[in-house]
Every structure is written in C-alpha cells, then in structure tokens.
Amino acid sequence: GNQAADQIQHDVYGAVVLSATQMFFDERIRK
C-alpha cells in the first residue's frame, strides 16, 4: 500500500488533461 494516495498533488490535473488531449487529435484512436 502507499500513503501517497492521501496526499494533495496538484500536478495531477495537468496529467489527466495531457493524457486525454491526444484523443481529440489522433484519428487512429477509437473514442
């Protein structure tokens, strides 16, 4: 287990959007 799950890490919001961005521009991806 990992206590990091209880932490506040604000960079995570950028990680989510950055991960999803490719979906909107890459025509190879089923979405």
Full PDB file with SEQRES, HELIX, SHEET, SSBOND, CRYST1, ORIGX, SCALE, CONECT and MASTER records, all heavy atoms in Angstrom:
SEQRES   1 A   31  GLY ASN GLN ALA ALA ASP GLN ILE GLN HIS ASP VAL TYR          
SEQRES   2 A   31  GLY ALA VAL VAL LEU SER ALA THR GLN MET PHE PHE ASP          
SEQRES   3 A   31  GLU ARG ILE ARG LYS                                          
HELIX    1 AA1 GLN A    3  ASP A    6  5                                   4    
HELIX    2 AA2 ASP A   11  PHE A   25  1                                  15    
CRYST1    1.000    1.000    1.000  90.00  90.00  90.00 P 1           1          
ORIGX1      1.000000  0.000000  0.000000        0.00000                         
ORIGX2      0.000000  1.000000  0.000000        0.00000                         
ORIGX3      0.000000  0.000000  1.000000        0.00000                         
SCALE1      1.000000  0.000000  0.000000        0.00000                         
SCALE2      0.000000  1.000000  0.000000        0.00000                         
SCALE3      0.000000  0.000000  1.000000        0.00000                         
ATOM      1  N   GLY A   1       0.830  -1.200   0.000  1.00  0.00           N  
ATOM      2  CA  GLY A   1       0.000   0.000   0.000  1.00  0.00           C  
ATOM      3  C   GLY A   1       0.863   1.248   0.000  1.00  0.00           C  
ATOM      4  O   GLY A   1       2.069   1.194   0.263  1.00  0.00           O  
ATOM      5  N   ASN A   2       0.258   2.394  -0.304  1.00  0.00           N  
ATOM      6  CA  ASN A   2       1.045   3.615  -0.411  1.00  0.00           C  
ATOM      7  C   ASN A   2       0.261   4.820   0.107  1.00  0.00           C  
ATOM      8  O   ASN A   2      -0.830   5.133  -0.390  1.00  0.00           O  
ATOM      9  CB  ASN A   2       1.468   3.865  -1.860  1.00  0.00           C  
ATOM     10  CG  ASN A   2       2.642   4.803  -1.956  1.00  0.00           C  
ATOM     11  OD1 ASN A   2       2.610   5.911  -1.446  1.00  0.00           O  
ATOM     12  ND2 ASN A   2       3.698   4.364  -2.633  1.00  0.00           N  
ATOM     13  N   GLN A   3       0.838   5.470   1.095  1.00  0.00           N  
ATOM     14  CA  GLN A   3       0.220   6.624   1.743  1.00  0.00           C  
ATOM     15  C   GLN A   3       0.086   7.817   0.804  1.00  0.00           C  
ATOM     16  O   GLN A   3      -0.665   8.762   1.086  1.00  0.00           O  
ATOM     17  CB  GLN A   3       1.046   7.010   2.970  1.00  0.00           C  
ATOM     18  CG  GLN A   3       0.433   8.070   3.855  1.00  0.00           C  
ATOM     19  CD  GLN A   3       1.361   8.441   5.007  1.00  0.00           C  
ATOM     20  OE1 GLN A   3       2.048   7.580   5.563  1.00  0.00           O  
ATOM     21  NE2 GLN A   3       1.398   9.721   5.346  1.00  0.00           N  
ATOM     22  N   ALA A   4       0.778   7.771  -0.333  1.00  0.00           N  
ATOM     23  CA  ALA A   4       0.671   8.877  -1.289  1.00  0.00           C  
ATOM     24  C   ALA A   4      -0.758   9.090  -1.758  1.00  0.00           C  
ATOM     25  O   ALA A   4      -1.116  10.182  -2.218  1.00  0.00           O  
ATOM     26  CB  ALA A   4       1.573   8.614  -2.492  1.00  0.00           C  
ATOM     27  N   ALA A   5      -1.589   8.056  -1.648  1.00  0.00           N  
ATOM     28  CA  ALA A   5      -2.998   8.189  -2.037  1.00  0.00           C  
ATOM     29  C   ALA A   5      -3.708   9.253  -1.217  1.00  0.00           C  
ATOM     30  O   ALA A   5      -4.723   9.821  -1.658  1.00  0.00           O  
ATOM     31  CB  ALA A   5      -3.710   6.848  -1.895  1.00  0.00           C  
ATOM     32  N   ASP A   6      -3.207   9.557  -0.034  1.00  0.00           N  
ATOM     33  CA  ASP A   6      -3.837  10.547   0.845  1.00  0.00           C  
ATOM     34  C   ASP A   6      -3.296  11.949   0.625  1.00  0.00           C  
ATOM     35  O   ASP A   6      -3.765  12.905   1.251  1.00  0.00           O  
ATOM     36  CB  ASP A   6      -3.626  10.154   2.311  1.00  0.00           C  
ATOM     37  CG  ASP A   6      -4.230   8.804   2.652  1.00  0.00           C  
ATOM     38  OD1 ASP A   6      -5.259   8.452   2.050  1.00  0.00           O  
ATOM     39  OD2 ASP A   6      -3.656   8.094   3.502  1.00  0.00           O  
ATOM     40  N   GLN A   7      -2.297  12.085  -0.247  1.00  0.00           N  
ATOM     41  CA  GLN A   7      -1.651  13.378  -0.419  1.00  0.00           C  
ATOM     42  C   GLN A   7      -2.396  14.266  -1.411  1.00  0.00           C  
ATOM     43  O   GLN A   7      -3.185  13.795  -2.240  1.00  0.00           O  
ATOM     44  CB  GLN A   7      -0.215  13.180  -0.912  1.00  0.00           C  
ATOM     45  CG  GLN A   7       0.718  12.567   0.113  1.00  0.00           C  
ATOM     46  CD  GLN A   7       2.148  12.550  -0.376  1.00  0.00           C  
ATOM     47  OE1 GLN A   7       2.431  12.702  -1.564  1.00  0.00           O  
ATOM     48  NE2 GLN A   7       3.072  12.358   0.556  1.00  0.00           N  
ATOM     49  N   ILE A   8      -2.107  15.543  -1.298  1.00  0.00           N  
ATOM     50  CA  ILE A   8      -2.588  16.520  -2.275  1.00  0.00           C  
ATOM     51  C   ILE A   8      -1.434  16.816  -3.234  1.00  0.00           C  
ATOM     52  O   ILE A   8      -0.364  17.264  -2.817  1.00  0.00           O  
ATOM     53  CB  ILE A   8      -3.050  17.812  -1.579  1.00  0.00           C  
ATOM     54  CG1 ILE A   8      -4.243  17.522  -0.662  1.00  0.00           C  
ATOM     55  CG2 ILE A   8      -3.395  18.883  -2.596  1.00  0.00           C  
ATOM     56  CD1 ILE A   8      -4.633  18.681   0.222  1.00  0.00           C  
ATOM     57  N   GLN A   9      -1.650  16.533  -4.512  1.00  0.00           N  
ATOM     58  CA  GLN A   9      -0.641  16.777  -5.545  1.00  0.00           C  
ATOM     59  C   GLN A   9      -1.340  17.436  -6.725  1.00  0.00           C  
ATOM     60  O   GLN A   9      -2.038  16.775  -7.498  1.00  0.00           O  
ATOM     61  CB  GLN A   9       0.025  15.461  -5.964  1.00  0.00           C  
ATOM     62  CG  GLN A   9       0.767  14.753  -4.847  1.00  0.00           C  
ATOM     63  CD  GLN A   9       1.344  13.410  -5.294  1.00  0.00           C  
ATOM     64  OE1 GLN A   9       1.656  13.221  -6.463  1.00  0.00           O  
ATOM     65  NE2 GLN A   9       1.490  12.483  -4.350  1.00  0.00           N  
ATOM     66  N   HIS A  10      -1.167  18.734  -6.874  1.00  0.00           N  
ATOM     67  CA  HIS A  10      -1.946  19.483  -7.847  1.00  0.00           C  
ATOM     68  C   HIS A  10      -1.504  19.250  -9.292  1.00  0.00           C  
ATOM     69  O   HIS A  10      -2.262  19.597 -10.220  1.00  0.00           O  
ATOM     70  CB  HIS A  10      -1.901  20.977  -7.526  1.00  0.00           C  
ATOM     71  CG  HIS A  10      -2.542  21.331  -6.221  1.00  0.00           C  
ATOM     72  ND1 HIS A  10      -3.723  20.765  -5.794  1.00  0.00           N  
ATOM     73  CD2 HIS A  10      -2.151  22.207  -5.221  1.00  0.00           C  
ATOM     74  CE1 HIS A  10      -4.052  21.257  -4.610  1.00  0.00           C  
ATOM     75  NE2 HIS A  10      -3.123  22.128  -4.237  1.00  0.00           N  
ATOM     76  N   ASP A  11      -0.342  18.674  -9.515  1.00  0.00           N  
ATOM     77  CA  ASP A  11       0.064  18.409 -10.892  1.00  0.00           C  
ATOM     78  C   ASP A  11      -0.815  17.353 -11.555  1.00  0.00           C  
ATOM     79  O   ASP A  11      -0.828  17.208 -12.778  1.00  0.00           O  
ATOM     80  CB  ASP A  11       1.522  17.971 -10.937  1.00  0.00           C  
ATOM     81  CG  ASP A  11       1.749  16.591 -10.337  1.00  0.00           C  
ATOM     82  OD1 ASP A  11       1.568  16.450  -9.111  1.00  0.00           O  
ATOM     83  OD2 ASP A  11       2.089  15.660 -11.081  1.00  0.00           O  
ATOM     84  N   VAL A  12      -1.582  16.626 -10.756  1.00  0.00           N  
ATOM     85  CA  VAL A  12      -2.388  15.529 -11.277  1.00  0.00           C  
ATOM     86  C   VAL A  12      -3.448  16.031 -12.266  1.00  0.00           C  
ATOM     87  O   VAL A  12      -3.819  15.321 -13.206  1.00  0.00           O  
ATOM     88  CB  VAL A  12      -3.039  14.753 -10.112  1.00  0.00           C  
ATOM     89  CG1 VAL A  12      -4.113  15.559  -9.434  1.00  0.00           C  
ATOM     90  CG2 VAL A  12      -3.580  13.415 -10.580  1.00  0.00           C  
ATOM     91  N   TYR A  13      -3.914  17.261 -12.112  1.00  0.00           N  
ATOM     92  CA  TYR A  13      -4.930  17.786 -13.021  1.00  0.00           C  
ATOM     93  C   TYR A  13      -4.349  17.959 -14.430  1.00  0.00           C  
ATOM     94  O   TYR A  13      -5.017  17.661 -15.431  1.00  0.00           O  
ATOM     95  CB  TYR A  13      -5.486  19.105 -12.488  1.00  0.00           C  
ATOM     96  CG  TYR A  13      -5.970  18.989 -11.065  1.00  0.00           C  
ATOM     97  CD1 TYR A  13      -5.365  19.683 -10.026  1.00  0.00           C  
ATOM     98  CD2 TYR A  13      -7.017  18.125 -10.752  1.00  0.00           C  
ATOM     99  CE1 TYR A  13      -5.789  19.546  -8.716  1.00  0.00           C  
ATOM    100  CE2 TYR A  13      -7.454  17.974  -9.440  1.00  0.00           C  
ATOM    101  CZ  TYR A  13      -6.830  18.679  -8.426  1.00  0.00           C  
ATOM    102  OH  TYR A  13      -7.251  18.513  -7.124  1.00  0.00           O  
ATOM    103  N   GLY A  14      -3.126  18.418 -14.493  1.00  0.00           N  
ATOM    104  CA  GLY A  14      -2.468  18.505 -15.785  1.00  0.00           C  
ATOM    105  C   GLY A  14      -2.221  17.136 -16.398  1.00  0.00           C  
ATOM    106  O   GLY A  14      -2.369  16.952 -17.613  1.00  0.00           O  
ATOM    107  N   ALA A  15      -1.880  16.165 -15.550  1.00  0.00           N  
ATOM    108  CA  ALA A  15      -1.627  14.815 -16.055  1.00  0.00           C  
ATOM    109  C   ALA A  15      -2.869  14.224 -16.711  1.00  0.00           C  
ATOM    110  O   ALA A  15      -2.781  13.549 -17.748  1.00  0.00           O  
ATOM    111  CB  ALA A  15      -1.145  13.918 -14.915  1.00  0.00           C  
ATOM    112  N   VAL A  16      -4.029  14.467 -16.117  1.00  0.00           N  
ATOM    113  CA  VAL A  16      -5.275  13.938 -16.679  1.00  0.00           C  
ATOM    114  C   VAL A  16      -5.568  14.577 -18.033  1.00  0.00           C  
ATOM    115  O   VAL A  16      -5.844  13.888 -19.025  1.00  0.00           O  
ATOM    116  CB  VAL A  16      -6.446  14.166 -15.708  1.00  0.00           C  
ATOM    117  CG1 VAL A  16      -7.775  13.834 -16.384  1.00  0.00           C  
ATOM    118  CG2 VAL A  16      -6.272  13.316 -14.456  1.00  0.00           C  
ATOM    119  N   VAL A  17      -5.503  15.886 -18.101  1.00  0.00           N  
ATOM    120  CA  VAL A  17      -5.833  16.577 -19.354  1.00  0.00           C  
ATOM    121  C   VAL A  17      -4.803  16.254 -20.433  1.00  0.00           C  
ATOM    122  O   VAL A  17      -5.153  16.013 -21.601  1.00  0.00           O  
ATOM    123  CB  VAL A  17      -5.939  18.095 -19.125  1.00  0.00           C  
ATOM    124  CG1 VAL A  17      -6.184  18.822 -20.450  1.00  0.00           C  
ATOM    125  CG2 VAL A  17      -7.060  18.405 -18.146  1.00  0.00           C  
ATOM    126  N   LEU A  18      -3.528  16.237 -20.074  1.00  0.00           N  
ATOM    127  CA  LEU A  18      -2.493  15.905 -21.052  1.00  0.00           C  
ATOM    128  C   LEU A  18      -2.697  14.503 -21.611  1.00  0.00           C  
ATOM    129  O   LEU A  18      -2.508  14.262 -22.811  1.00  0.00           O  
ATOM    130  CB  LEU A  18      -1.110  16.014 -20.406  1.00  0.00           C  
ATOM    131  CG  LEU A  18      -0.578  17.427 -20.173  1.00  0.00           C  
ATOM    132  CD1 LEU A  18       0.628  17.394 -19.238  1.00  0.00           C  
ATOM    133  CD2 LEU A  18      -0.209  18.091 -21.488  1.00  0.00           C  
ATOM    134  N   SER A  19      -3.067  13.565 -20.759  1.00  0.00           N  
ATOM    135  CA  SER A  19      -3.285  12.194 -21.219  1.00  0.00           C  
ATOM    136  C   SER A  19      -4.428  12.132 -22.221  1.00  0.00           C  
ATOM    137  O   SER A  19      -4.372  11.388 -23.203  1.00  0.00           O  
ATOM    138  CB  SER A  19      -3.595  11.283 -20.029  1.00  0.00           C  
ATOM    139  OG  SER A  19      -2.491  11.173 -19.162  1.00  0.00           O  
ATOM    140  N   ALA A  20      -5.477  12.889 -21.960  1.00  0.00           N  
ATOM    141  CA  ALA A  20      -6.670  12.824 -22.802  1.00  0.00           C  
ATOM    142  C   ALA A  20      -6.552  13.655 -24.072  1.00  0.00           C  
ATOM    143  O   ALA A  20      -7.297  13.422 -25.035  1.00  0.00           O  
ATOM    144  CB  ALA A  20      -7.889  13.279 -22.006  1.00  0.00           C  
ATOM    145  N   THR A  21      -5.641  14.615 -24.109  1.00  0.00           N  
ATOM    146  CA  THR A  21      -5.548  15.527 -25.249  1.00  0.00           C  
ATOM    147  C   THR A  21      -5.358  14.775 -26.571  1.00  0.00           C  
ATOM    148  O   THR A  21      -5.979  15.113 -27.590  1.00  0.00           O  
ATOM    149  CB  THR A  21      -4.409  16.538 -25.038  1.00  0.00           C  
ATOM    150  OG1 THR A  21      -4.692  17.327 -23.883  1.00  0.00           O  
ATOM    151  CG2 THR A  21      -4.242  17.442 -26.242  1.00  0.00           C  
ATOM    152  N   GLN A  22      -4.506  13.770 -26.555  1.00  0.00           N  
ATOM    153  CA  GLN A  22      -4.215  13.023 -27.774  1.00  0.00           C  
ATOM    154  C   GLN A  22      -5.489  12.467 -28.407  1.00  0.00           C  
ATOM    155  O   GLN A  22      -5.616  12.374 -29.626  1.00  0.00           O  
ATOM    156  CB  GLN A  22      -3.258  11.875 -27.451  1.00  0.00           C  
ATOM    157  CG  GLN A  22      -2.736  11.130 -28.660  1.00  0.00           C  
ATOM    158  CD  GLN A  22      -1.471  11.733 -29.223  1.00  0.00           C  
ATOM    159  OE1 GLN A  22      -0.764  12.465 -28.519  1.00  0.00           O  
ATOM    160  NE2 GLN A  22      -1.173  11.437 -30.467  1.00  0.00           N  
ATOM    161  N   MET A  23      -6.446  12.104 -27.553  1.00  0.00           N  
ATOM    162  CA  MET A  23      -7.686  11.508 -28.045  1.00  0.00           C  
ATOM    163  C   MET A  23      -8.416  12.431 -29.026  1.00  0.00           C  
ATOM    164  O   MET A  23      -9.058  11.967 -29.975  1.00  0.00           O  
ATOM    165  CB  MET A  23      -8.596  11.164 -26.862  1.00  0.00           C  
ATOM    166  CG  MET A  23      -9.960  10.638 -27.246  1.00  0.00           C  
ATOM    167  SD  MET A  23     -10.953  10.228 -25.796  1.00  0.00           S  
ATOM    168  CE  MET A  23     -10.149   8.742 -25.256  1.00  0.00           C  
ATOM    169  N   PHE A  24      -8.317  13.714 -28.823  1.00  0.00           N  
ATOM    170  CA  PHE A  24      -9.062  14.663 -29.648  1.00  0.00           C  
ATOM    171  C   PHE A  24      -8.368  14.960 -30.981  1.00  0.00           C  
ATOM    172  O   PHE A  24      -8.990  15.517 -31.889  1.00  0.00           O  
ATOM    173  CB  PHE A  24      -9.264  15.974 -28.885  1.00  0.00           C  
ATOM    174  CG  PHE A  24     -10.145  15.827 -27.679  1.00  0.00           C  
ATOM    175  CD1 PHE A  24      -9.609  15.498 -26.440  1.00  0.00           C  
ATOM    176  CD2 PHE A  24     -11.514  16.005 -27.783  1.00  0.00           C  
ATOM    177  CE1 PHE A  24     -10.421  15.367 -25.319  1.00  0.00           C  
ATOM    178  CE2 PHE A  24     -12.334  15.874 -26.670  1.00  0.00           C  
ATOM    179  CZ  PHE A  24     -11.787  15.551 -25.437  1.00  0.00           C  
ATOM    180  N   PHE A  25      -7.089  14.607 -31.089  1.00  0.00           N  
ATOM    181  CA  PHE A  25      -6.326  14.976 -32.279  1.00  0.00           C  
ATOM    182  C   PHE A  25      -5.861  13.780 -33.114  1.00  0.00           C  
ATOM    183  O   PHE A  25      -5.494  13.954 -34.269  1.00  0.00           O  
ATOM    184  CB  PHE A  25      -5.100  15.809 -31.865  1.00  0.00           C  
ATOM    185  CG  PHE A  25      -5.452  17.153 -31.309  1.00  0.00           C  
ATOM    186  CD1 PHE A  25      -5.678  17.322 -29.942  1.00  0.00           C  
ATOM    187  CD2 PHE A  25      -5.582  18.260 -32.141  1.00  0.00           C  
ATOM    188  CE1 PHE A  25      -6.009  18.560 -29.424  1.00  0.00           C  
ATOM    189  CE2 PHE A  25      -5.911  19.500 -31.619  1.00  0.00           C  
ATOM    190  CZ  PHE A  25      -6.124  19.658 -30.261  1.00  0.00           C  
ATOM    191  N   ASP A  26      -5.866  12.589 -32.537  1.00  0.00           N  
ATOM    192  CA  ASP A  26      -5.344  11.404 -33.215  1.00  0.00           C  
ATOM    193  C   ASP A  26      -6.506  10.606 -33.805  1.00  0.00           C  
ATOM    194  O   ASP A  26      -7.304  10.020 -33.081  1.00  0.00           O  
ATOM    195  CB  ASP A  26      -4.553  10.545 -32.224  1.00  0.00           C  
ATOM    196  CG  ASP A  26      -3.701   9.494 -32.925  1.00  0.00           C  
ATOM    197  OD1 ASP A  26      -4.088   9.050 -34.028  1.00  0.00           O  
ATOM    198  OD2 ASP A  26      -2.659   9.112 -32.363  1.00  0.00           O  
ATOM    199  N   GLU A  27      -6.604  10.592 -35.128  1.00  0.00           N  
ATOM    200  CA  GLU A  27      -7.724   9.936 -35.790  1.00  0.00           C  
ATOM    201  C   GLU A  27      -7.634   8.409 -35.724  1.00  0.00           C  
ATOM    202  O   GLU A  27      -8.578   7.718 -36.084  1.00  0.00           O  
ATOM    203  CB  GLU A  27      -7.808  10.388 -37.255  1.00  0.00           C  
ATOM    204  CG  GLU A  27      -8.140  11.856 -37.427  1.00  0.00           C  
ATOM    205  CD  GLU A  27      -9.478  12.230 -36.795  1.00  0.00           C  
ATOM    206  OE1 GLU A  27     -10.383  11.381 -36.795  1.00  0.00           O  
ATOM    207  OE2 GLU A  27      -9.599  13.370 -36.287  1.00  0.00           O  
ATOM    208  N   ARG A  28      -6.488   7.881 -35.263  1.00  0.00           N  
ATOM    209  CA  ARG A  28      -6.364   6.419 -35.136  1.00  0.00           C  
ATOM    210  C   ARG A  28      -7.088   5.893 -33.904  1.00  0.00           C  
ATOM    211  O   ARG A  28      -7.363   4.693 -33.807  1.00  0.00           O  
ATOM    212  CB  ARG A  28      -4.887   6.027 -35.037  1.00  0.00           C  
ATOM    213  CG  ARG A  28      -4.054   6.393 -36.252  1.00  0.00           C  
ATOM    214  CD  ARG A  28      -2.575   6.194 -35.945  1.00  0.00           C  
ATOM    215  NE  ARG A  28      -2.131   7.035 -34.838  1.00  0.00           N  
ATOM    216  CZ  ARG A  28      -0.934   6.924 -34.245  1.00  0.00           C  
ATOM    217  NH1 ARG A  28      -0.086   5.999 -34.651  1.00  0.00           N  
ATOM    218  NH2 ARG A  28      -0.610   7.736 -33.259  1.00  0.00           N  
ATOM    219  N   ILE A  29      -7.396   6.768 -32.949  1.00  0.00           N  
ATOM    220  CA  ILE A  29      -7.906   6.334 -31.650  1.00  0.00           C  
ATOM    221  C   ILE A  29      -9.429   6.264 -31.682  1.00  0.00           C  
ATOM    222  O   ILE A  29     -10.101   7.241 -32.054  1.00  0.00           O  
ATOM    223  CB  ILE A  29      -7.434   7.290 -30.539  1.00  0.00           C  
ATOM    224  CG1 ILE A  29      -5.901   7.254 -30.434  1.00  0.00           C  
ATOM    225  CG2 ILE A  29      -8.078   6.944 -29.210  1.00  0.00           C  
ATOM    226  CD1 ILE A  29      -5.336   8.225 -29.418  1.00  0.00           C  
ATOM    227  N   ARG A  30      -9.946   5.102 -31.292  1.00  0.00           N  
ATOM    228  CA  ARG A  30     -11.395   4.982 -31.111  1.00  0.00           C  
ATOM    229  C   ARG A  30     -11.776   5.745 -29.844  1.00  0.00           C  
ATOM    230  O   ARG A  30     -11.132   5.604 -28.805  1.00  0.00           O  
ATOM    231  CB  ARG A  30     -11.801   3.517 -30.978  1.00  0.00           C  
ATOM    232  CG  ARG A  30     -11.519   2.690 -32.208  1.00  0.00           C  
ATOM    233  CD  ARG A  30     -12.088   1.289 -32.062  1.00  0.00           C  
ATOM    234  NE  ARG A  30     -11.530   0.597 -30.910  1.00  0.00           N  
ATOM    235  CZ  ARG A  30     -10.409  -0.114 -30.951  1.00  0.00           C  
ATOM    236  NH1 ARG A  30      -9.737  -0.209 -32.073  1.00  0.00           N  
ATOM    237  NH2 ARG A  30      -9.955  -0.723 -29.869  1.00  0.00           N  
ATOM    238  N   LYS A  31     -12.821   6.542 -29.908  1.00  0.00           N  
ATOM    239  CA  LYS A  31     -13.096   7.429 -28.790  1.00  0.00           C  
ATOM    240  C   LYS A  31     -14.593   7.655 -28.639  1.00  0.00           C  
ATOM    241  O   LYS A  31     -15.370   7.512 -29.585  1.00  0.00           O  
ATOM    242  CB  LYS A  31     -12.390   8.764 -28.994  1.00  0.00           C  
ATOM    243  CG  LYS A  31     -12.602   9.369 -30.386  1.00  0.00           C  
ATOM    244  CD  LYS A  31     -11.588  10.455 -30.662  1.00  0.00           C  
ATOM    245  CE  LYS A  31     -11.666  10.913 -32.116  1.00  0.00           C  
ATOM    246  NZ  LYS A  31     -10.615  11.878 -32.451  1.00  0.00           N  
TER     247      LYS A  31                                                      
MASTER        0    0    0    2    0    0    0    6  246    1    0    3          
END                                                                             
